[in-house]
């Protein structure tokens, strides 16, 4: 159901009734396009989610205190917190080590690997670490510490780490050779791919890493190169390099970018996991390319990013999941909502869809893989209730 009557009157009344001083924000900063579907609701606050399916249940990891873990029977919930990856700070001795960022969890050869980042806003003094466990529940995770350092720490002065920011890790194997890779990076010199050792706990040839700059924006926007949050998926014959582009957060009354310069979800593809990746117009991602697959819409869904792709099977297509902000409920990281869309493919290019027609879905549509398994439920967004009852701090006018 879509919320179509004017928001400003209802929100103003709510603020007046609650005697709350509301922040007045012009609705002109929120794109109102309807070319993208409204998000299916995950019914959980999550920033930079990572989801894995295991034994019929979904497990979600998100950035936060000691890396929280949630469990649900479907993507629409209900989600239950079942603990954290860490019982204390990460063993990486850098700032913010009690609140790791942007986890990515994958099951490999019977072991769960949770790659995570330690960082703070606006700095490159960051690290990517990894923790392992043999079970997602009732298991103790082993923190193996940093495998990549930038800004300071072991080998932080060699390329590509001397130009990169070690956050937003995501794991993927070469589908032909099985060789493991990690994609990572944010701003500065944007996105890199680096080969991992077979134990998945270190970079292959650590003093001379096999690394590639896979996405880069040569022309800065307002002095920055806002690419981050990369993720790799595969649908034969293409590897897809996904990333978030634009301003992710720190929004406020005087800190909203021009419409279209907030987070959006973009992609390029290649027949090799090592690239080069190009967008739908043939522009290389290292030359500023990137096809927009999902962005802000309807004046309500804002700055979607922090993506992952769940693989389809014979019954369901791929699913793109992400976080987004609801313009009526808040703009802080803690306000981010879990959302998701089905993925269709038009001549090999992904298209976000709210639903899918099972009568038209064939095995050929499901001939692709990703880092996590398939979806077994669906939910459409119910935005009206959320918009009406939770907007005590913002008036959209």
Protein backbone atom coordinates (compact mmCIF):
# COMPACT_ATOMS: atom_id res chain seq x y z
CA UNK A 1 0.00 0.00 0.00
CA UNK A 2 1.31 3.45 -0.88
CA UNK A 3 0.84 6.56 1.24
CA UNK A 4 -0.51 9.20 -1.12
CA UNK A 5 -2.16 11.96 0.92
CA UNK A 6 0.00 14.96 1.92
CA UNK A 7 2.44 14.17 4.71
CA UNK A 8 3.08 17.66 6.02
CA UNK A 9 -0.36 18.22 7.56
CA UNK A 10 -0.43 14.89 9.39
CA UNK A 11 3.11 15.28 10.65
CA UNK A 12 2.59 18.84 11.77
CA UNK A 13 -0.47 17.78 13.77
CA UNK A 14 1.44 14.94 15.41
CA UNK A 15 4.26 17.26 16.43
CA UNK A 16 1.85 19.83 17.84
CA UNK A 17 -0.06 17.20 19.82
CA UNK A 18 3.16 15.75 21.23
CA UNK A 19 4.55 19.22 22.04
CA UNK A 20 7.76 18.28 20.25
CA UNK A 21 9.97 20.80 18.51
CA UNK A 22 10.19 19.40 14.99
CA UNK A 23 12.87 20.02 12.41
CA UNK A 24 11.37 21.52 9.27
CA UNK A 25 12.92 20.09 6.11
CA UNK A 26 11.93 21.00 2.58
CA UNK A 27 10.54 18.04 0.67
CA UNK A 28 12.38 19.34 -2.39
CA UNK A 29 15.50 17.46 -1.26
CA UNK A 30 13.70 14.10 -1.45
CA UNK A 31 13.38 12.58 -4.97
CA UNK A 32 9.77 11.73 -5.77
CA UNK A 33 10.32 9.49 -8.78
CA UNK A 34 8.30 6.29 -8.99
CA UNK A 35 10.57 4.49 -11.46
CA UNK A 36 11.74 2.27 -8.59
CA UNK A 37 9.34 0.15 -6.53
CA UNK A 38 8.79 0.98 -2.88
CA UNK A 39 10.90 -1.37 -0.75
CA UNK A 40 9.60 -4.62 0.60
CA UNK A 41 9.84 -4.29 4.36
CA UNK A 42 12.34 -6.21 6.44
CA UNK A 43 10.77 -4.85 9.64
CA UNK A 44 14.12 -4.28 11.32
CA UNK A 45 16.39 -1.30 11.83
CA UNK A 46 19.69 -2.23 10.22
CA UNK A 47 22.56 -0.24 8.73
CA UNK A 48 24.88 -2.11 6.32
CA UNK A 49 23.11 -5.48 6.74
CA UNK A 50 24.62 -8.84 5.82
CA UNK A 51 22.22 -11.78 5.50
CA UNK A 52 22.87 -15.50 5.26
CA UNK A 53 20.37 -18.36 5.15
CA UNK A 54 21.12 -21.43 7.24
CA UNK A 55 18.94 -24.47 8.04
CA UNK A 56 15.78 -22.71 6.91
CA UNK A 57 16.33 -19.52 8.90
CA UNK A 58 17.72 -16.13 7.98
CA UNK A 59 20.57 -14.60 9.97
CA UNK A 60 21.34 -10.90 9.76
CA UNK A 61 24.56 -9.25 10.88
CA UNK A 62 24.79 -5.50 11.19
CA UNK A 63 27.27 -2.90 12.38
CA UNK A 64 26.98 -1.97 16.04
CA UNK A 65 28.06 -2.85 19.55
CA UNK A 66 30.08 -6.09 19.30
CA UNK A 67 28.35 -6.90 15.94
CA UNK A 68 24.73 -7.90 16.64
CA UNK A 69 23.19 -11.04 15.09
CA UNK A 70 19.46 -11.46 14.37
CA UNK A 71 17.42 -14.48 13.30
CA UNK A 72 14.10 -14.69 11.43
CA UNK A 73 11.98 -17.24 9.54
CA UNK A 74 11.73 -14.89 6.53
CA UNK A 75 13.13 -11.62 5.26
CA UNK A 76 10.05 -9.83 6.56
CA UNK A 77 10.73 -11.09 10.08
CA UNK A 78 9.99 -11.25 12.88
CA UNK A 79 13.65 -10.75 13.77
CA UNK A 80 15.03 -11.87 17.13
CA UNK A 81 18.39 -10.79 18.50
CA UNK A 82 20.37 -13.94 19.29
CA UNK A 83 23.59 -12.35 20.46
CA UNK A 84 26.75 -10.80 19.06
CA UNK A 85 29.86 -11.93 17.22
CA UNK A 86 32.16 -10.51 19.90
CA UNK A 87 31.93 -10.63 23.68
CA UNK A 88 34.25 -7.63 23.95
CA UNK A 89 36.20 -5.21 21.74
CA UNK A 90 37.85 -6.47 18.57
CA UNK A 91 41.50 -7.36 19.04
CA UNK A 92 42.31 -4.74 16.40
CA UNK A 93 43.62 -1.77 18.38
CA UNK A 94 42.10 1.07 16.42
CA UNK A 95 39.40 3.61 17.21
CA UNK A 96 35.81 2.37 17.52
CA UNK A 97 36.77 -1.26 18.05
CA UNK A 98 33.73 -1.91 20.25
CA UNK A 99 31.42 -1.06 17.35
CA UNK A 100 32.66 -2.78 14.18
CA UNK A 101 31.20 -1.69 10.83
CA UNK A 102 29.82 -3.29 7.70
CA UNK A 103 30.07 -7.03 8.41
CA UNK A 104 29.82 -9.64 5.67
CA UNK A 105 29.28 -13.28 6.65
CA UNK A 106 29.80 -16.31 4.42
CA UNK A 107 29.83 -20.09 4.91
CA UNK A 108 32.92 -21.74 3.42
CA UNK A 109 33.86 -25.41 3.88
CA UNK A 110 31.83 -25.78 7.07
CA UNK A 111 33.14 -22.61 8.73
CA UNK A 112 31.41 -19.24 9.00
CA UNK A 113 33.63 -16.26 8.22
CA UNK A 114 32.52 -12.81 9.35
CA UNK A 115 34.58 -10.06 7.72
CA UNK A 116 34.21 -6.70 9.44
CA UNK A 117 35.71 -3.20 9.52
CA UNK A 118 37.11 -1.02 12.30
CA UNK A 119 37.05 2.68 11.47
CA UNK A 120 35.57 6.08 12.24
CA UNK A 121 34.01 8.80 10.14
CA UNK A 122 36.23 10.70 7.75
CA UNK A 123 39.50 8.84 8.35
CA UNK A 124 41.54 6.15 6.61
CA UNK A 125 43.02 4.76 9.83
CA UNK A 126 40.92 1.65 9.34
CA UNK A 127 41.23 -2.12 9.29
CA UNK A 128 39.39 -5.14 7.94
CA UNK A 129 39.30 -8.10 10.30
CA UNK A 130 37.78 -11.56 10.26
CA UNK A 131 36.17 -13.79 12.86
CA UNK A 132 35.19 -17.46 12.48
CA UNK A 133 32.74 -19.88 14.06
CA UNK A 134 31.44 -23.38 13.38
CA UNK A 135 27.81 -22.44 14.05
CA UNK A 136 25.66 -19.32 13.88
CA UNK A 137 24.00 -20.07 17.22
CA UNK A 138 25.42 -21.06 20.60
CA UNK A 139 28.92 -20.75 19.23
CA UNK A 140 31.99 -18.78 20.26
CA UNK A 141 33.50 -16.70 17.49
CA UNK A 142 37.28 -16.52 17.17
CA UNK A 143 38.58 -13.07 16.28
CA UNK A 144 41.62 -13.42 14.02
CA UNK A 145 42.26 -9.68 13.87
CA UNK A 146 43.28 -7.53 10.93
CA UNK A 147 43.96 -8.88 7.47
CA UNK A 148 44.13 -5.39 5.88
CA UNK A 149 45.29 -2.13 7.46
CA UNK A 150 45.12 1.39 6.08
CA UNK A 151 46.35 4.60 7.68
CA UNK A 152 48.47 2.76 10.25
CA UNK A 153 49.41 -0.78 11.12
CA UNK A 154 51.15 -3.69 9.43
CA UNK A 155 51.75 -3.11 5.69
CA UNK A 156 49.50 -0.04 5.62
CA UNK A 157 52.22 1.82 3.71
CA UNK A 158 52.21 -0.45 0.64
CA UNK A 159 49.94 -0.27 -2.40
CA UNK A 160 46.96 -0.46 -2.54
CA UNK A 161 46.54 0.17 1.19
CA UNK A 162 48.45 3.45 0.98
CA UNK A 163 45.64 4.78 -1.26
CA UNK A 164 42.64 2.87 0.10
CA UNK A 165 40.30 2.88 3.08
CA UNK A 166 39.91 -0.56 4.66
CA UNK A 167 36.15 -0.77 5.20
CA UNK A 168 33.13 -2.51 3.62
CA UNK A 169 34.57 -5.98 2.97
CA UNK A 170 32.71 -8.55 0.85
CA UNK A 171 33.82 -12.06 -0.09
CA UNK A 172 33.51 -13.84 -3.44
CA UNK A 173 35.13 -16.79 -5.21
CA UNK A 174 36.07 -17.02 -8.86
CA UNK A 175 33.37 -19.33 -10.22
CA UNK A 176 35.81 -21.13 -12.53
CA UNK A 177 38.88 -21.57 -10.33
CA UNK A 178 37.50 -21.24 -6.81
CA UNK A 179 40.10 -18.58 -6.01
CA UNK A 180 38.92 -16.39 -3.08
CA UNK A 181 38.78 -12.61 -3.28
CA UNK A 182 37.76 -9.72 -1.07
CA UNK A 183 36.30 -6.49 -2.41
CA UNK A 184 36.58 -3.42 -0.19
CA UNK A 185 37.12 0.34 -0.11
CA UNK A 186 35.48 3.70 0.39
CA UNK A 187 36.04 7.23 -0.94
CA UNK A 188 39.74 8.20 -1.41
CA UNK A 189 40.61 5.71 -4.21
CA UNK A 190 37.26 3.92 -4.02
CA UNK A 191 36.90 0.15 -4.60
CA UNK A 192 39.61 -2.53 -4.70
CA UNK A 193 39.69 -6.29 -5.20
CA UNK A 194 42.40 -8.34 -3.48
CA UNK A 195 43.18 -12.06 -3.61
CA UNK A 196 42.95 -13.99 -0.34
CA UNK A 197 44.96 -16.97 0.81
CA UNK A 198 43.22 -20.34 0.83
CA UNK A 199 42.67 -20.21 4.60
CA UNK A 200 40.59 -17.03 4.03
CA UNK A 201 42.30 -15.48 7.07
CA UNK A 202 44.95 -13.46 5.25
CA UNK A 203 45.79 -11.77 1.98
CA UNK A 204 47.65 -13.89 -0.54
CA UNK A 205 51.27 -12.71 -0.83
CA UNK A 206 50.71 -10.06 1.87
CA UNK A 207 53.83 -8.01 1.07
CA UNK A 208 52.97 -7.92 -2.65
CA UNK A 209 49.17 -8.25 -2.77
CA UNK A 210 47.41 -9.20 -5.97
CA UNK A 211 45.09 -6.19 -5.99
CA UNK A 212 43.07 -4.31 -8.61
CA UNK A 213 41.30 -0.94 -8.45
CA UNK A 214 37.90 -2.03 -9.81
CA UNK A 215 35.85 1.17 -9.40
CA UNK A 216 36.95 4.79 -9.21
CA UNK A 217 35.45 8.22 -9.78
CA UNK A 218 38.17 10.36 -11.41
CA UNK A 219 36.24 13.61 -11.05
CA UNK A 220 35.47 14.35 -7.40
CA UNK A 221 32.02 15.50 -6.33
CA UNK A 222 32.32 18.32 -3.77
CA UNK A 223 35.90 17.23 -3.15
CA UNK A 224 35.17 13.54 -2.59
CA UNK A 225 34.77 10.28 -4.50
CA UNK A 226 31.66 8.80 -2.87
CA UNK A 227 31.88 5.12 -3.83
CA UNK A 228 31.74 2.43 -1.13
CA UNK A 229 29.90 -0.63 0.14
CA UNK A 230 30.89 -2.92 -2.73
CA UNK A 231 29.47 -6.42 -3.20
CA UNK A 232 30.04 -9.12 -5.84
CA UNK A 233 27.42 -11.48 -7.26
CA UNK A 234 27.41 -13.83 -10.25
CA UNK A 235 24.92 -14.77 -12.96
CA UNK A 236 26.46 -16.65 -15.82
CA UNK A 237 28.33 -15.38 -17.70
CA UNK A 238 28.70 -12.15 -15.69
CA UNK A 239 30.14 -11.05 -12.39
CA UNK A 240 28.31 -8.01 -11.02
CA UNK A 241 30.14 -5.41 -8.97
CA UNK A 242 27.59 -3.55 -6.86
CA UNK A 243 28.34 -0.41 -4.88
CA UNK A 244 26.70 2.52 -3.10
CA UNK A 245 27.27 5.96 -4.59
CA UNK A 246 26.67 9.32 -2.92
CA UNK A 247 26.20 10.64 0.60
CA UNK A 248 25.30 7.85 2.98
CA UNK A 249 24.59 9.61 6.23
CA UNK A 250 25.10 12.64 8.49
CA UNK A 251 21.99 14.23 7.06
CA UNK A 252 20.48 17.22 8.80
CA UNK A 253 18.51 20.37 8.23
CA UNK A 254 21.40 22.05 6.41
CA UNK A 255 23.22 18.94 5.24
CA UNK A 256 21.12 17.34 2.52
CA UNK A 257 22.84 16.98 -0.86
CA UNK A 258 21.26 17.91 -4.15
CA UNK A 259 18.62 15.32 -5.13
CA UNK A 260 20.35 12.39 -6.76
CA UNK A 261 23.60 12.86 -4.85
CA UNK A 262 22.47 10.85 -1.82
CA UNK A 263 23.17 7.10 -1.68
CA UNK A 264 21.99 5.08 -4.66
CA UNK A 265 22.66 1.47 -5.62
CA UNK A 266 24.76 1.03 -8.76
CA UNK A 267 26.36 -1.82 -10.67
CA UNK A 268 28.78 -2.78 -13.41
CA UNK A 269 29.48 -6.19 -14.90
CA UNK A 270 32.35 -8.24 -16.31
CA UNK A 271 32.96 -11.77 -17.54
CA UNK A 272 35.94 -11.91 -15.15
CA UNK A 273 35.88 -11.44 -11.39
CA UNK A 274 38.95 -9.26 -11.90
CA UNK A 275 37.19 -6.93 -14.30
CA UNK A 276 37.21 -4.63 -16.08
CA UNK A 277 33.65 -3.82 -15.04
CA UNK A 278 31.49 -1.63 -17.27
CA UNK A 279 28.03 -0.14 -16.89
CA UNK A 280 25.07 -0.44 -19.25
CA UNK A 281 26.43 2.41 -21.38
CA UNK A 282 29.83 0.75 -21.68
CA UNK A 283 31.57 3.17 -19.29
CA UNK A 284 34.25 1.53 -17.17
CA UNK A 285 33.66 1.72 -13.43
CA UNK A 286 37.22 3.02 -13.12
CA UNK A 287 36.14 5.98 -15.26
CA UNK A 288 33.16 6.94 -13.13
CA UNK A 289 30.66 4.46 -14.60
CA UNK A 290 27.85 2.70 -12.80
CA UNK A 291 24.25 1.92 -13.77
CA UNK A 292 21.71 2.96 -11.14
CA UNK A 293 19.57 -0.03 -10.15
CA UNK A 294 17.77 1.49 -7.17
CA UNK A 295 17.51 4.96 -5.69
CA UNK A 296 15.40 7.28 -3.55
CA UNK A 297 11.74 7.30 -4.50
CA UNK A 298 8.27 8.66 -3.74
CA UNK A 299 9.60 11.27 -1.33
CA UNK A 300 9.69 8.60 1.38
CA UNK A 301 12.40 6.03 0.58
CA UNK A 302 15.72 7.87 0.83
CA UNK A 303 19.41 7.04 0.29
CA UNK A 304 19.27 3.25 -0.19
CA UNK A 305 22.64 1.49 0.05
CA UNK A 306 24.67 -0.96 2.13
CA UNK A 307 23.73 -3.73 -0.28
CA UNK A 308 23.90 -7.47 -0.59
CA UNK A 309 22.53 -9.95 -3.10
CA UNK A 310 20.95 -13.27 -2.14
CA UNK A 311 21.03 -16.02 -4.75
CA UNK A 312 17.90 -17.41 -6.34
CA UNK A 313 16.93 -21.02 -7.00
CA UNK A 314 14.39 -22.80 -9.21
CA UNK A 315 11.52 -21.11 -7.39
CA UNK A 316 12.69 -17.61 -6.61
CA UNK A 317 14.87 -14.99 -8.31
CA UNK A 318 17.82 -13.15 -6.84
CA UNK A 319 17.03 -10.69 -4.07
CA UNK A 320 18.73 -7.34 -3.59
CA UNK A 321 18.68 -6.27 0.07
CA UNK A 322 19.80 -2.95 1.48
CA UNK A 323 19.24 -0.32 4.12
CA UNK A 324 17.32 2.89 3.48
CA UNK A 325 15.98 5.88 5.37
CA UNK A 326 12.29 6.73 5.68
CA UNK A 327 11.96 10.51 5.39
CA UNK A 328 9.23 10.55 8.03
CA UNK A 329 11.09 8.64 10.74
CA UNK A 330 14.65 9.94 10.93
CA UNK A 331 18.02 10.30 9.25
CA UNK A 332 20.52 8.80 11.69
CA UNK A 333 22.23 5.44 11.16
CA UNK A 334 20.06 3.92 13.87
CA UNK A 335 16.98 4.96 11.88
CA UNK A 336 17.97 2.91 8.82
CA UNK A 337 15.45 0.26 7.75
CA UNK A 338 16.04 -3.12 6.13
CA UNK A 339 14.48 -3.27 2.66
CA UNK A 340 14.65 -5.60 -0.31
CA UNK A 341 13.55 -6.14 -3.91
CA UNK A 342 13.50 -9.05 -6.33
CA UNK A 343 15.93 -8.89 -9.22
CA UNK A 344 14.92 -9.51 -12.81
CA UNK A 345 17.48 -9.44 -15.63
CA UNK A 346 16.93 -7.60 -18.90
CA UNK A 347 19.61 -8.58 -21.42
CA UNK A 348 21.88 -9.39 -18.52
CA UNK A 349 21.25 -6.17 -16.57
CA UNK A 350 19.54 -6.37 -13.17
CA UNK A 351 16.21 -4.61 -12.65
CA UNK A 352 14.63 -4.14 -9.20
CA UNK A 353 11.10 -5.55 -8.93
CA UNK A 354 8.68 -5.47 -6.00
CA UNK A 355 7.16 -8.85 -6.91
CA UNK A 356 7.70 -11.61 -9.43
CA UNK A 357 5.37 -13.79 -11.51
CA UNK A 358 6.10 -17.40 -10.63
CA UNK A 359 4.41 -18.59 -13.83
CA UNK A 360 7.00 -16.71 -15.88
CA UNK A 361 9.97 -17.64 -13.74
CA UNK A 362 12.03 -20.51 -15.21
CA UNK A 363 15.14 -22.40 -14.29
CA UNK A 364 17.08 -20.27 -16.75
CA UNK A 365 16.24 -17.21 -14.66
CA UNK A 366 17.78 -18.88 -11.62
CA UNK A 367 21.09 -19.89 -13.20
CA UNK A 368 23.23 -17.72 -11.00
CA UNK A 369 24.99 -17.71 -7.65
CA UNK A 370 26.01 -15.27 -4.94
CA UNK A 371 27.61 -15.42 -1.51
CA UNK A 372 24.45 -16.47 0.34
CA UNK A 373 21.43 -18.65 -0.32
CA UNK A 374 17.87 -18.21 -1.49
CA UNK A 375 14.77 -16.47 -0.17
CA UNK A 376 11.67 -18.33 1.04
CA UNK A 377 9.10 -15.61 1.81
CA UNK A 378 7.85 -12.26 0.68
CA UNK A 379 6.28 -9.09 2.08
CA UNK A 380 5.08 -5.86 0.54
CA UNK A 381 5.75 -2.56 2.22
CA UNK A 382 3.13 -1.02 4.44
CA UNK A 383 4.31 2.57 4.57
CA UNK A 384 1.20 4.41 5.68
CA UNK A 385 1.21 3.17 9.27
CA UNK A 386 4.90 3.91 9.75
CA UNK A 387 4.63 7.36 8.19
CA UNK A 388 1.62 8.40 10.28
CA UNK A 389 2.69 7.24 13.72
CA UNK A 390 6.48 7.66 13.84
CA UNK A 391 7.05 11.19 12.53
CA UNK A 392 7.46 13.21 15.70
CA UNK A 393 10.83 14.72 14.84
CA UNK A 394 10.51 15.81 11.23
CA UNK A 395 8.00 17.75 9.15
CA UNK A 396 8.16 17.28 5.40
CA UNK A 397 6.87 20.39 3.72
